Structures are given as structure tokens and as C-alpha cells.
Amino acid sequence: MELLGLFYYWVFAIVLMIGFYAVIAKRNLIKKLIGLSIFQAAVFLLYITMGKVEGGTAPIFQDGVTLYSNPLPQVLILTAIVVGISTTALGLGIVVRIKEEYGSIEEDEIQQRDRQ
């Protein structure tokens, strides 16, 4: 039963490893960027689940409410989402430029062409 209580952490670990695998193992630059986005989503999930307090409510002062959830993780994640989108857009722009220069987005072909 205790393993079920750690469900979100298991999901975090699995999604994180899927993203990490894609970044490390894939040779296609677009697939690497998708893996990086999956990796970021796992980190977002971790922060959001850490901010939830069981039985807590939104941090708005009301009569009779004494337990509040921490809003800071959600605020940080909003910023991280904007940074993640910007990073992905920049990465896609670089991939487009690499495709124009090398004619491929496969890592092996780019390295082979560089050696020539």
C-alpha cells in the first residue's frame, strides 16, 4: 500500500528516464529535443506534486481555514514552462539552420560530414 502513496514519484522517475533515454540514445536532433521536453515535463510534475498539501486549500485567508498549500512551486513552474518553450523554440531554430548547412538532422551524418 505504501508504494501506491508514492505513485507520483514513480511516474516522475519513469517519465524522467524516458526523456533522458531519448536525449542520450537517439541520433535524430528533433527526437533529442522531444526527449528534452519530456525530461522537462517530468521535472514540472515533481515540483507540482511537491507543492500540494493534503487537505490544504488555496492560500486565500478565510475564516476557519488553517492549512494552506504552498503556491511557490506553481509559480516557479509557470516560469519554467516559459523557459522550456523558449529553449525548445531556440533548439528547433538551430536544427533548421543545421539542416540548411549539412542537409541532415542525423547526428552521425553531421559528424561524418564535419570530418571530411
PDB file of N, CA and C in Angstrom:
ATOM      1  N   MET A   1       0.823  -1.198   0.000  1.00  0.00           N
ATOM      2  CA  MET A   1       0.000   0.000   0.000  1.00  0.00           C
ATOM      3  C   MET A   1       0.868   1.263   0.000  1.00  0.00           C
ATOM      4  N   GLU A   2       2.037   1.192   0.603  1.00  0.00           N
ATOM      5  CA  GLU A   2       2.911   2.357   0.660  1.00  0.00           C
ATOM      6  C   GLU A   2       3.440   2.731  -0.722  1.00  0.00           C
ATOM      7  N   LEU A   3       3.632   1.737  -1.590  1.00  0.00           N
ATOM      8  CA  LEU A   3       4.096   2.042  -2.944  1.00  0.00           C
ATOM      9  C   LEU A   3       3.078   2.875  -3.702  1.00  0.00           C
ATOM     10  N   LEU A   4       1.787   2.664  -3.412  1.00  0.00           N
ATOM     11  CA  LEU A   4       0.743   3.437  -4.068  1.00  0.00           C
ATOM     12  C   LEU A   4       0.786   4.900  -3.633  1.00  0.00           C
ATOM     13  N   GLY A   5       1.222   5.141  -2.410  1.00  0.00           N
ATOM     14  CA  GLY A   5       1.357   6.511  -1.914  1.00  0.00           C
ATOM     15  C   GLY A   5       2.458   7.270  -2.623  1.00  0.00           C
ATOM     16  N   LEU A   6       3.387   6.550  -3.189  1.00  0.00           N
ATOM     17  CA  LEU A   6       4.493   7.169  -3.920  1.00  0.00           C
ATOM     18  C   LEU A   6       4.252   7.141  -5.427  1.00  0.00           C
ATOM     19  N   PHE A   7       2.994   7.027  -5.837  1.00  0.00           N
ATOM     20  CA  PHE A   7       2.644   6.891  -7.251  1.00  0.00           C
ATOM     21  C   PHE A   7       3.223   8.019  -8.101  1.00  0.00           C
ATOM     22  N   TYR A   8       3.078   9.261  -7.662  1.00  0.00           N
ATOM     23  CA  TYR A   8       3.555  10.388  -8.462  1.00  0.00           C
ATOM     24  C   TYR A   8       5.073  10.382  -8.596  1.00  0.00           C
ATOM     25  N   TYR A   9       5.751   9.907  -7.579  1.00  0.00           N
ATOM     26  CA  TYR A   9       7.210   9.833  -7.671  1.00  0.00           C
ATOM     27  C   TYR A   9       7.645   8.746  -8.654  1.00  0.00           C
ATOM     28  N   TRP A  10       6.894   7.652  -8.696  1.00  0.00           N
ATOM     29  CA  TRP A  10       7.186   6.609  -9.688  1.00  0.00           C
ATOM     30  C   TRP A  10       6.937   7.126 -11.097  1.00  0.00           C
ATOM     31  N   VAL A  11       5.829   7.838 -11.270  1.00  0.00           N
ATOM     32  CA  VAL A  11       5.529   8.415 -12.584  1.00  0.00           C
ATOM     33  C   VAL A  11       6.630   9.398 -12.973  1.00  0.00           C
ATOM     34  N   PHE A  12       7.036  10.239 -12.024  1.00  0.00           N
ATOM     35  CA  PHE A  12       8.133  11.179 -12.269  1.00  0.00           C
ATOM     36  C   PHE A  12       9.393  10.459 -12.723  1.00  0.00           C
ATOM     37  N   ALA A  13       9.774   9.419 -12.000  1.00  0.00           N
ATOM     38  CA  ALA A  13      11.005   8.693 -12.325  1.00  0.00           C
ATOM     39  C   ALA A  13      10.926   8.031 -13.700  1.00  0.00           C
ATOM     40  N   ILE A  14       9.786   7.457 -14.018  1.00  0.00           N
ATOM     41  CA  ILE A  14       9.635   6.782 -15.316  1.00  0.00           C
ATOM     42  C   ILE A  14       9.664   7.793 -16.458  1.00  0.00           C
ATOM     43  N   VAL A  15       8.912   8.885 -16.329  1.00  0.00           N
ATOM     44  CA  VAL A  15       8.889   9.905 -17.385  1.00  0.00           C
ATOM     45  C   VAL A  15      10.267  10.543 -17.536  1.00  0.00           C
ATOM     46  N   LEU A  16      10.943  10.784 -16.415  1.00  0.00           N
ATOM     47  CA  LEU A  16      12.285  11.356 -16.455  1.00  0.00           C
ATOM     48  C   LEU A  16      13.249  10.443 -17.207  1.00  0.00           C
ATOM     49  N   MET A  17      13.187   9.149 -16.935  1.00  0.00           N
ATOM     50  CA  MET A  17      14.081   8.200 -17.606  1.00  0.00           C
ATOM     51  C   MET A  17      13.761   8.058 -19.087  1.00  0.00           C
ATOM     52  N   ILE A  18      12.485   8.162 -19.452  1.00  0.00           N
ATOM     53  CA  ILE A  18      12.122   8.128 -20.873  1.00  0.00           C
ATOM     54  C   ILE A  18      12.726   9.321 -21.596  1.00  0.00           C
ATOM     55  N   GLY A  19      12.591  10.500 -21.003  1.00  0.00           N
ATOM     56  CA  GLY A  19      13.186  11.699 -21.605  1.00  0.00           C
ATOM     57  C   GLY A  19      14.690  11.616 -21.661  1.00  0.00           C
ATOM     58  N   PHE A  20      15.314  11.135 -20.597  1.00  0.00           N
ATOM     59  CA  PHE A  20      16.770  11.004 -20.563  1.00  0.00           C
ATOM     60  C   PHE A  20      17.255  10.018 -21.617  1.00  0.00           C
ATOM     61  N   TYR A  21      16.544   8.905 -21.776  1.00  0.00           N
ATOM     62  CA  TYR A  21      16.897   7.917 -22.794  1.00  0.00           C
ATOM     63  C   TYR A  21      16.841   8.528 -24.186  1.00  0.00           C
ATOM     64  N   ALA A  22      15.783   9.305 -24.448  1.00  0.00           N
ATOM     65  CA  ALA A  22      15.647   9.917 -25.771  1.00  0.00           C
ATOM     66  C   ALA A  22      16.779  10.900 -26.043  1.00  0.00           C
ATOM     67  N   VAL A  23      17.173  11.657 -25.042  1.00  0.00           N
ATOM     68  CA  VAL A  23      18.255  12.630 -25.232  1.00  0.00           C
ATOM     69  C   VAL A  23      19.581  11.918 -25.476  1.00  0.00           C
ATOM     70  N   ILE A  24      19.840  10.847 -24.777  1.00  0.00           N
ATOM     71  CA  ILE A  24      21.124  10.149 -24.872  1.00  0.00           C
ATOM     72  C   ILE A  24      21.194   9.198 -26.059  1.00  0.00           C
ATOM     73  N   ALA A  25      20.141   8.426 -26.301  1.00  0.00           N
ATOM     74  CA  ALA A  25      20.220   7.318 -27.252  1.00  0.00           C
ATOM     75  C   ALA A  25      19.847   7.682 -28.680  1.00  0.00           C
ATOM     76  N   LYS A  26      19.003   8.663 -28.864  1.00  0.00           N
ATOM     77  CA  LYS A  26      18.537   8.975 -30.214  1.00  0.00           C
ATOM     78  C   LYS A  26      19.584   9.791 -30.965  1.00  0.00           C
ATOM     79  N   ARG A  27      19.671   9.572 -32.277  1.00  0.00           N
ATOM     80  CA  ARG A  27      20.634  10.281 -33.122  1.00  0.00           C
ATOM     81  C   ARG A  27      19.998  11.423 -33.894  1.00  0.00           C
ATOM     82  N   ASN A  28      18.660  11.430 -33.973  1.00  0.00           N
ATOM     83  CA  ASN A  28      17.937  12.470 -34.677  1.00  0.00           C
ATOM     84  C   ASN A  28      17.797  13.679 -33.749  1.00  0.00           C
ATOM     85  N   LEU A  29      18.131  14.864 -34.230  1.00  0.00           N
ATOM     86  CA  LEU A  29      18.125  16.050 -33.376  1.00  0.00           C
ATOM     87  C   LEU A  29      16.719  16.443 -32.923  1.00  0.00           C
ATOM     88  N   ILE A  30      15.713  16.223 -33.754  1.00  0.00           N
ATOM     89  CA  ILE A  30      14.332  16.517 -33.361  1.00  0.00           C
ATOM     90  C   ILE A  30      13.908  15.581 -32.232  1.00  0.00           C
ATOM     91  N   LYS A  31      14.266  14.308 -32.334  1.00  0.00           N
ATOM     92  CA  LYS A  31      13.932  13.350 -31.267  1.00  0.00           C
ATOM     93  C   LYS A  31      14.636  13.717 -29.970  1.00  0.00           C
ATOM     94  N   LYS A  32      15.843  14.244 -30.067  1.00  0.00           N
ATOM     95  CA  LYS A  32      16.547  14.703 -28.865  1.00  0.00           C
ATOM     96  C   LYS A  32      15.801  15.872 -28.217  1.00  0.00           C
ATOM     97  N   LEU A  33      15.300  16.798 -29.029  1.00  0.00           N
ATOM     98  CA  LEU A  33      14.536  17.923 -28.486  1.00  0.00           C
ATOM     99  C   LEU A  33      13.234  17.459 -27.845  1.00  0.00           C
ATOM    100  N   ILE A  34      12.582  16.481 -28.440  1.00  0.00           N
ATOM    101  CA  ILE A  34      11.364  15.928 -27.849  1.00  0.00           C
ATOM    102  C   ILE A  34      11.699  15.258 -26.512  1.00  0.00           C
ATOM    103  N   GLY A  35      12.809  14.530 -26.464  1.00  0.00           N
ATOM    104  CA  GLY A  35      13.250  13.914 -25.216  1.00  0.00           C
ATOM    105  C   GLY A  35      13.532  14.954 -24.145  1.00  0.00           C
ATOM    106  N   LEU A  36      14.119  16.079 -24.543  1.00  0.00           N
ATOM    107  CA  LEU A  36      14.384  17.161 -23.595  1.00  0.00           C
ATOM    108  C   LEU A  36      13.072  17.738 -23.062  1.00  0.00           C
ATOM    109  N   SER A  37      12.079  17.863 -23.908  1.00  0.00           N
ATOM    110  CA  SER A  37      10.770  18.362 -23.471  1.00  0.00           C
ATOM    111  C   SER A  37      10.098  17.385 -22.510  1.00  0.00           C
ATOM    112  N   ILE A  38      10.223  16.095 -22.773  1.00  0.00           N
ATOM    113  CA  ILE A  38       9.677  15.081 -21.862  1.00  0.00           C
ATOM    114  C   ILE A  38      10.398  15.144 -20.516  1.00  0.00           C
ATOM    115  N   PHE A  39      11.705  15.308 -20.554  1.00  0.00           N
ATOM    116  CA  PHE A  39      12.513  15.449 -19.346  1.00  0.00           C
ATOM    117  C   PHE A  39      12.025  16.650 -18.528  1.00  0.00           C
ATOM    118  N   GLN A  40      11.800  17.778 -19.202  1.00  0.00           N
ATOM    119  CA  GLN A  40      11.308  18.978 -18.517  1.00  0.00           C
ATOM    120  C   GLN A  40       9.928  18.739 -17.916  1.00  0.00           C
ATOM    121  N   ALA A  41       9.059  18.050 -18.629  1.00  0.00           N
ATOM    122  CA  ALA A  41       7.713  17.776 -18.125  1.00  0.00           C
ATOM    123  C   ALA A  41       7.773  16.944 -16.842  1.00  0.00           C
ATOM    124  N   ALA A  42       8.726  16.027 -16.769  1.00  0.00           N
ATOM    125  CA  ALA A  42       8.878  15.222 -15.557  1.00  0.00           C
ATOM    126  C   ALA A  42       9.272  16.099 -14.368  1.00  0.00           C
ATOM    127  N   VAL A  43      10.156  17.031 -14.596  1.00  0.00           N
ATOM    128  CA  VAL A  43      10.562  17.945 -13.523  1.00  0.00           C
ATOM    129  C   VAL A  43       9.382  18.816 -13.099  1.00  0.00           C
ATOM    130  N   PHE A  44       8.581  19.268 -14.067  1.00  0.00           N
ATOM    131  CA  PHE A  44       7.390  20.046 -13.729  1.00  0.00           C
ATOM    132  C   PHE A  44       6.463  19.227 -12.842  1.00  0.00           C
ATOM    133  N   LEU A  45       6.254  17.978 -13.199  1.00  0.00           N
ATOM    134  CA  LEU A  45       5.388  17.088 -12.422  1.00  0.00           C
ATOM    135  C   LEU A  45       5.898  16.950 -10.986  1.00  0.00           C
ATOM    136  N   LEU A  46       7.191  16.793 -10.830  1.00  0.00           N
ATOM    137  CA  LEU A  46       7.767  16.654  -9.492  1.00  0.00           C
ATOM    138  C   LEU A  46       7.498  17.894  -8.645  1.00  0.00           C
ATOM    139  N   TYR A  47       7.761  19.067  -9.185  1.00  0.00           N
ATOM    140  CA  TYR A  47       7.564  20.296  -8.421  1.00  0.00           C
ATOM    141  C   TYR A  47       6.092  20.522  -8.081  1.00  0.00           C
ATOM    142  N   ILE A  48       5.215  20.254  -9.018  1.00  0.00           N
ATOM    143  CA  ILE A  48       3.794  20.479  -8.762  1.00  0.00           C
ATOM    144  C   ILE A  48       3.280  19.532  -7.689  1.00  0.00           C
ATOM    145  N   THR A  49       3.685  18.268  -7.732  1.00  0.00           N
ATOM    146  CA  THR A  49       3.216  17.325  -6.715  1.00  0.00           C
ATOM    147  C   THR A  49       3.801  17.632  -5.344  1.00  0.00           C
ATOM    148  N   MET A  50       4.987  18.207  -5.297  1.00  0.00           N
ATOM    149  CA  MET A  50       5.576  18.564  -4.002  1.00  0.00           C
ATOM    150  C   MET A  50       4.847  19.745  -3.358  1.00  0.00           C
ATOM    151  N   GLY A  51       4.228  20.581  -4.169  1.00  0.00           N
ATOM    152  CA  GLY A  51       3.553  21.760  -3.637  1.00  0.00           C
ATOM    153  C   GLY A  51       2.179  21.483  -3.066  1.00  0.00           C
ATOM    154  N   LYS A  52       1.614  20.321  -3.335  1.00  0.00           N
ATOM    155  CA  LYS A  52       0.279  20.004  -2.839  1.00  0.00           C
ATOM    156  C   LYS A  52       0.345  19.500  -1.410  1.00  0.00           C
ATOM    157  N   VAL A  53      -0.452  20.110  -0.556  1.00  0.00           N
ATOM    158  CA  VAL A  53      -0.551  19.704   0.846  1.00  0.00           C
ATOM    159  C   VAL A  53      -1.890  18.989   1.022  1.00  0.00           C
ATOM    160  N   GLU A  54      -1.855  17.788   1.577  1.00  0.00           N
ATOM    161  CA  GLU A  54      -3.083  17.007   1.773  1.00  0.00           C
ATOM    162  C   GLU A  54      -4.039  17.755   2.693  1.00  0.00           C
ATOM    163  N   GLY A  55      -5.211  18.056   2.172  1.00  0.00           N
ATOM    164  CA  GLY A  55      -6.196  18.797   2.960  1.00  0.00           C
ATOM    165  C   GLY A  55      -6.005  20.301   2.904  1.00  0.00           C
ATOM    166  N   GLY A  56      -4.989  20.762   2.208  1.00  0.00           N
ATOM    167  CA  GLY A  56      -4.723  22.196   2.115  1.00  0.00           C
ATOM    168  C   GLY A  56      -5.590  22.859   1.075  1.00  0.00           C
ATOM    169  N   THR A  57      -5.753  24.135   1.223  1.00  0.00           N
ATOM    170  CA  THR A  57      -6.559  24.912   0.295  1.00  0.00           C
ATOM    171  C   THR A  57      -5.701  26.028  -0.304  1.00  0.00           C
ATOM    172  N   ALA A  58      -6.266  26.770  -1.219  1.00  0.00           N
ATOM    173  CA  ALA A  58      -5.544  27.884  -1.833  1.00  0.00           C
ATOM    174  C   ALA A  58      -5.174  28.897  -0.741  1.00  0.00           C
ATOM    175  N   PRO A  59      -4.033  29.550  -0.863  1.00  0.00           N
ATOM    176  CA  PRO A  59      -3.590  30.468   0.191  1.00  0.00           C
ATOM    177  C   PRO A  59      -4.354  31.800   0.169  1.00  0.00           C
ATOM    178  N   ILE A  60      -5.641  31.710   0.381  1.00  0.00           N
ATOM    179  CA  ILE A  60      -6.506  32.885   0.498  1.00  0.00           C
ATOM    180  C   ILE A  60      -7.089  32.847   1.904  1.00  0.00           C
ATOM    181  N   PHE A  61      -6.852  33.883   2.660  1.00  0.00           N
ATOM    182  CA  PHE A  61      -7.284  33.893   4.058  1.00  0.00           C
ATOM    183  C   PHE A  61      -8.804  33.864   4.164  1.00  0.00           C
ATOM    184  N   GLN A  62      -9.282  32.849   4.899  1.00  0.00           N
ATOM    185  CA  GLN A  62     -10.709  32.678   5.134  1.00  0.00           C
ATOM    186  C   GLN A  62     -10.897  32.277   6.592  1.00  0.00           C
ATOM    187  N   ASP A  63     -12.076  32.497   7.102  1.00  0.00           N
ATOM    188  CA  ASP A  63     -12.364  32.099   8.483  1.00  0.00           C
ATOM    189  C   ASP A  63     -12.413  30.582   8.579  1.00  0.00           C
ATOM    190  N   GLY A  64     -11.746  30.033   9.564  1.00  0.00           N
ATOM    191  CA  GLY A  64     -11.788  28.602   9.823  1.00  0.00           C
ATOM    192  C   GLY A  64     -10.797  27.766   9.035  1.00  0.00           C
ATOM    193  N   VAL A  65     -10.057  28.359   8.135  1.00  0.00           N
ATOM    194  CA  VAL A  65      -9.074  27.616   7.334  1.00  0.00           C
ATOM    195  C   VAL A  65      -7.688  27.885   7.900  1.00  0.00           C
ATOM    196  N   THR A  66      -6.988  26.803   8.239  1.00  0.00           N
ATOM    197  CA  THR A  66      -5.658  26.967   8.815  1.00  0.00           C
ATOM    198  C   THR A  66      -4.567  26.265   8.007  1.00  0.00           C
ATOM    199  N   LEU A  67      -4.948  25.408   7.075  1.00  0.00           N
ATOM    200  CA  LEU A  67      -3.956  24.654   6.308  1.00  0.00           C
ATOM    201  C   LEU A  67      -3.995  25.098   4.845  1.00  0.00           C
ATOM    202  N   TYR A  68      -2.868  25.592   4.372  1.00  0.00           N
ATOM    203  CA  TYR A  68      -2.784  26.109   3.015  1.00  0.00           C
ATOM    204  C   TYR A  68      -1.737  25.352   2.214  1.00  0.00           C
ATOM    205  N   SER A  69      -1.973  25.256   0.903  1.00  0.00           N
ATOM    206  CA  SER A  69      -0.962  24.698   0.006  1.00  0.00           C
ATOM    207  C   SER A  69       0.043  25.793  -0.342  1.00  0.00           C
ATOM    208  N   ASN A  70       1.258  25.391  -0.628  1.00  0.00           N
ATOM    209  CA  ASN A  70       2.308  26.342  -0.979  1.00  0.00           C
ATOM    210  C   ASN A  70       2.171  26.738  -2.453  1.00  0.00           C
ATOM    211  N   PRO A  71       1.993  28.028  -2.756  1.00  0.00           N
ATOM    212  CA  PRO A  71       1.836  28.443  -4.155  1.00  0.00           C
ATOM    213  C   PRO A  71       3.166  28.610  -4.896  1.00  0.00           C
ATOM    214  N   LEU A  72       4.274  28.609  -4.199  1.00  0.00           N
ATOM    215  CA  LEU A  72       5.565  28.863  -4.823  1.00  0.00           C
ATOM    216  C   LEU A  72       5.928  27.847  -5.914  1.00  0.00           C
ATOM    217  N   PRO A  73       5.737  26.536  -5.722  1.00  0.00           N
ATOM    218  CA  PRO A  73       6.070  25.604  -6.807  1.00  0.00           C
ATOM    219  C   PRO A  73       5.289  25.874  -8.097  1.00  0.00           C
ATOM    220  N   GLN A  74       4.018  26.237  -7.981  1.00  0.00           N
ATOM    221  CA  GLN A  74       3.237  26.519  -9.183  1.00  0.00           C
ATOM    222  C   GLN A  74       3.757  27.764  -9.892  1.00  0.00           C
ATOM    223  N   VAL A  75       4.150  28.765  -9.132  1.00  0.00           N
ATOM    224  CA  VAL A  75       4.701  29.984  -9.725  1.00  0.00           C
ATOM    225  C   VAL A  75       6.017  29.681 -10.429  1.00  0.00           C
ATOM    226  N   LEU A  76       6.859  28.888  -9.801  1.00  0.00           N
ATOM    227  CA  LEU A  76       8.139  28.523 -10.416  1.00  0.00           C
ATOM    228  C   LEU A  76       7.922  27.712 -11.687  1.00  0.00           C
ATOM    229  N   ILE A  77       6.923  26.856 -11.680  1.00  0.00           N
ATOM    230  CA  ILE A  77       6.651  26.036 -12.860  1.00  0.00           C
ATOM    231  C   ILE A  77       6.142  26.892 -14.005  1.00  0.00           C
ATOM    232  N   LEU A  78       5.343  27.904 -13.733  1.00  0.00           N
ATOM    233  CA  LEU A  78       4.912  28.804 -14.800  1.00  0.00           C
ATOM    234  C   LEU A  78       6.115  29.448 -15.486  1.00  0.00           C
ATOM    235  N   THR A  79       7.065  29.882 -14.694  1.00  0.00           N
ATOM    236  CA  THR A  79       8.295  30.449 -15.257  1.00  0.00           C
ATOM    237  C   THR A  79       9.075  29.386 -16.023  1.00  0.00           C
ATOM    238  N   ALA A  80       9.164  28.190 -15.467  1.00  0.00           N
ATOM    239  CA  ALA A  80       9.905  27.111 -16.122  1.00  0.00           C
ATOM    240  C   ALA A  80       9.262  26.702 -17.442  1.00  0.00           C
ATOM    241  N   ILE A  81       7.943  26.765 -17.522  1.00  0.00           N
ATOM    242  CA  ILE A  81       7.260  26.436 -18.774  1.00  0.00           C
ATOM    243  C   ILE A  81       7.638  27.439 -19.854  1.00  0.00           C
ATOM    244  N   VAL A  82       7.667  28.717 -19.505  1.00  0.00           N
ATOM    245  CA  VAL A  82       8.061  29.747 -20.474  1.00  0.00           C
ATOM    246  C   VAL A  82       9.503  29.536 -20.919  1.00  0.00           C
ATOM    247  N   VAL A  83      10.386  29.242 -19.984  1.00  0.00           N
ATOM    248  CA  VAL A  83      11.783  28.990 -20.329  1.00  0.00           C
ATOM    249  C   VAL A  83      11.903  27.729 -21.182  1.00  0.00           C
ATOM    250  N   GLY A  84      11.125  26.695 -20.850  1.00  0.00           N
ATOM    251  CA  GLY A  84      11.150  25.455 -21.629  1.00  0.00           C
ATOM    252  C   GLY A  84      10.693  25.654 -23.059  1.00  0.00           C
ATOM    253  N   ILE A  85       9.631  26.444 -23.241  1.00  0.00           N
ATOM    254  CA  ILE A  85       9.150  26.723 -24.592  1.00  0.00           C
ATOM    255  C   ILE A  85      10.195  27.519 -25.368  1.00  0.00           C
ATOM    256  N   SER A  86      10.812  28.478 -24.704  1.00  0.00           N
ATOM    257  CA  SER A  86      11.855  29.272 -25.366  1.00  0.00           C
ATOM    258  C   SER A  86      13.044  28.404 -25.756  1.00  0.00           C
ATOM    259  N   THR A  87      13.440  27.515 -24.861  1.00  0.00           N
ATOM    260  CA  THR A  87      14.554  26.613 -25.151  1.00  0.00           C
ATOM    261  C   THR A  87      14.232  25.702 -26.333  1.00  0.00           C
ATOM    262  N   THR A  88      13.028  25.174 -26.351  1.00  0.00           N
ATOM    263  CA  THR A  88      12.607  24.304 -27.456  1.00  0.00           C
ATOM    264  C   THR A  88      12.569  25.078 -28.770  1.00  0.00           C
ATOM    265  N   ALA A  89      12.044  26.296 -28.743  1.00  0.00           N
ATOM    266  CA  ALA A  89      11.994  27.108 -29.961  1.00  0.00           C
ATOM    267  C   ALA A  89      13.392  27.425 -30.468  1.00  0.00           C
ATOM    268  N   LEU A  90      14.296  27.767 -29.564  1.00  0.00           N
ATOM    269  CA  LEU A  90      15.681  28.037 -29.960  1.00  0.00           C
ATOM    270  C   LEU A  90      16.327  26.780 -30.524  1.00  0.00           C
ATOM    271  N   GLY A  91      16.096  25.641 -29.875  1.00  0.00           N
ATOM    272  CA  GLY A  91      16.637  24.373 -30.370  1.00  0.00           C
ATOM    273  C   GLY A  91      16.120  24.035 -31.758  1.00  0.00           C
ATOM    274  N   LEU A  92      14.834  24.252 -31.980  1.00  0.00           N
ATOM    275  CA  LEU A  92      14.275  23.989 -33.311  1.00  0.00           C
ATOM    276  C   LEU A  92      14.866  24.931 -34.352  1.00  0.00           C
ATOM    277  N   GLY A  93      15.093  26.177 -33.977  1.00  0.00           N
ATOM    278  CA  GLY A  93      15.740  27.118 -34.891  1.00  0.00           C
ATOM    279  C   GLY A  93      17.147  26.681 -35.252  1.00  0.00           C
ATOM    280  N   ILE A  94      17.871  26.173 -34.271  1.00  0.00           N
ATOM    281  CA  ILE A  94      19.232  25.687 -34.526  1.00  0.00           C
ATOM    282  C   ILE A  94      19.187  24.450 -35.412  1.00  0.00           C
ATOM    283  N   VAL A  95      18.214  23.570 -35.189  1.00  0.00           N
ATOM    284  CA  VAL A  95      18.083  22.368 -36.023  1.00  0.00           C
ATOM    285  C   VAL A  95      17.780  22.754 -37.470  1.00  0.00           C
ATOM    286  N   VAL A  96      16.930  23.756 -37.664  1.00  0.00           N
ATOM    287  CA  VAL A  96      16.632  24.218 -39.028  1.00  0.00           C
ATOM    288  C   VAL A  96      17.909  24.733 -39.689  1.00  0.00           C
ATOM    289  N   ARG A  97      18.692  25.494 -38.961  1.00  0.00           N
ATOM    290  CA  ARG A  97      19.951  26.020 -39.506  1.00  0.00           C
ATOM    291  C   ARG A  97      20.943  24.893 -39.815  1.00  0.00           C
ATOM    292  N   ILE A  98      21.012  23.889 -38.948  1.00  0.00           N
ATOM    293  CA  ILE A  98      21.883  22.724 -39.192  1.00  0.00           C
ATOM    294  C   ILE A  98      21.418  21.980 -40.437  1.00  0.00           C
ATOM    295  N   LYS A  99      20.111  21.825 -40.592  1.00  0.00           N
ATOM    296  CA  LYS A  99      19.563  21.147 -41.775  1.00  0.00           C
ATOM    297  C   LYS A  99      19.934  21.913 -43.045  1.00  0.00           C
ATOM    298  N   GLU A 100      19.882  23.236 -43.002  1.00  0.00           N
ATOM    299  CA  GLU A 100      20.271  24.034 -44.170  1.00  0.00           C
ATOM    300  C   GLU A 100      21.746  23.877 -44.495  1.00  0.00           C
ATOM    301  N   GLU A 101      22.576  23.824 -43.466  1.00  0.00           N
ATOM    302  CA  GLU A 101      24.025  23.762 -43.673  1.00  0.00           C
ATOM    303  C   GLU A 101      24.508  22.365 -44.059  1.00  0.00           C
ATOM    304  N   TYR A 102      24.008  21.345 -43.369  1.00  0.00           N
ATOM    305  CA  TYR A 102      24.516  19.985 -43.551  1.00  0.00           C
ATOM    306  C   TYR A 102      23.603  19.096 -44.391  1.00  0.00           C
ATOM    307  N   GLY A 103      22.364  19.489 -44.561  1.00  0.00           N
ATOM    308  CA  GLY A 103      21.435  18.680 -45.342  1.00  0.00           C
ATOM    309  C   GLY A 103      20.871  17.495 -44.593  1.00  0.00           C
ATOM    310  N   SER A 104      21.071  17.433 -43.288  1.00  0.00           N
ATOM    311  CA  SER A 104      20.592  16.313 -42.488  1.00  0.00           C
ATOM    312  C   SER A 104      20.416  16.756 -41.044  1.00  0.00           C
ATOM    313  N   ILE A 105      19.567  16.034 -40.317  1.00  0.00           N
ATOM    314  CA  ILE A 105      19.444  16.275 -38.876  1.00  0.00           C
ATOM    315  C   ILE A 105      19.848  15.031 -38.085  1.00  0.00           C
ATOM    316  N   GLU A 106      20.499  14.104 -38.756  1.00  0.00           N
ATOM    317  CA  GLU A 106      21.021  12.909 -38.092  1.00  0.00           C
ATOM    318  C   GLU A 106      22.431  13.194 -37.595  1.00  0.00           C
ATOM    319  N   GLU A 107      22.658  12.933 -36.324  1.00  0.00           N
ATOM    320  CA  GLU A 107      23.929  13.252 -35.683  1.00  0.00           C
ATOM    321  C   GLU A 107      25.125  12.588 -36.372  1.00  0.00           C
ATOM    322  N   ASP A 108      24.971  11.323 -36.748  1.00  0.00           N
ATOM    323  CA  ASP A 108      26.075  10.591 -37.385  1.00  0.00           C
ATOM    324  C   ASP A 108      26.465  11.217 -38.720  1.00  0.00           C
ATOM    325  N   GLU A 109      25.482  11.586 -39.533  1.00  0.00           N
ATOM    326  CA  GLU A 109      25.759  12.186 -40.823  1.00  0.00           C
ATOM    327  C   GLU A 109      26.427  13.551 -40.686  1.00  0.00           C
ATOM    328  N   ILE A 110      26.003  14.312 -39.692  1.00  0.00           N
ATOM    329  CA  ILE A 110      26.601  15.629 -39.456  1.00  0.00           C
ATOM    330  C   ILE A 110      28.054  15.485 -39.038  1.00  0.00           C
ATOM    331  N   GLN A 111      28.337  14.552 -38.125  1.00  0.00           N
ATOM    332  CA  GLN A 111      29.717  14.331 -37.677  1.00  0.00           C
ATOM    333  C   GLN A 111      30.582  13.799 -38.815  1.00  0.00           C
ATOM    334  N   GLN A 112      30.036  12.930 -39.642  1.00  0.00           N
ATOM    335  CA  GLN A 112      30.799  12.392 -40.772  1.00  0.00           C
ATOM    336  C   GLN A 112      31.139  13.501 -41.756  1.00  0.00           C
ATOM    337  N   ARG A 113      30.185  14.380 -42.023  1.00  0.00           N
ATOM    338  CA  ARG A 113      30.435  15.487 -42.943  1.00  0.00           C
ATOM    339  C   ARG A 113      31.454  16.462 -42.366  1.00  0.00           C
ATOM    340  N   ASP A 114      31.443  16.647 -41.050  1.00  0.00           N
ATOM    341  CA  ASP A 114      32.412  17.534 -40.403  1.00  0.00           C
ATOM    342  C   ASP A 114      33.834  16.999 -40.519  1.00  0.00           C
ATOM    343  N   ARG A 115      33.988  15.683 -40.494  1.00  0.00           N
ATOM    344  CA  ARG A 115      35.332  15.084 -40.566  1.00  0.00           C
ATOM    345  C   ARG A 115      35.930  15.190 -41.959  1.00  0.00           C
ATOM    346  N   GLN A 116      35.103  15.374 -42.972  1.00  0.00           N
ATOM    347  CA  GLN A 116      35.609  15.410 -44.349  1.00  0.00           C
ATOM    348  C   GLN A 116      36.232  16.744 -44.696  1.00  0.00           C
TER     349      GLN A 116
END
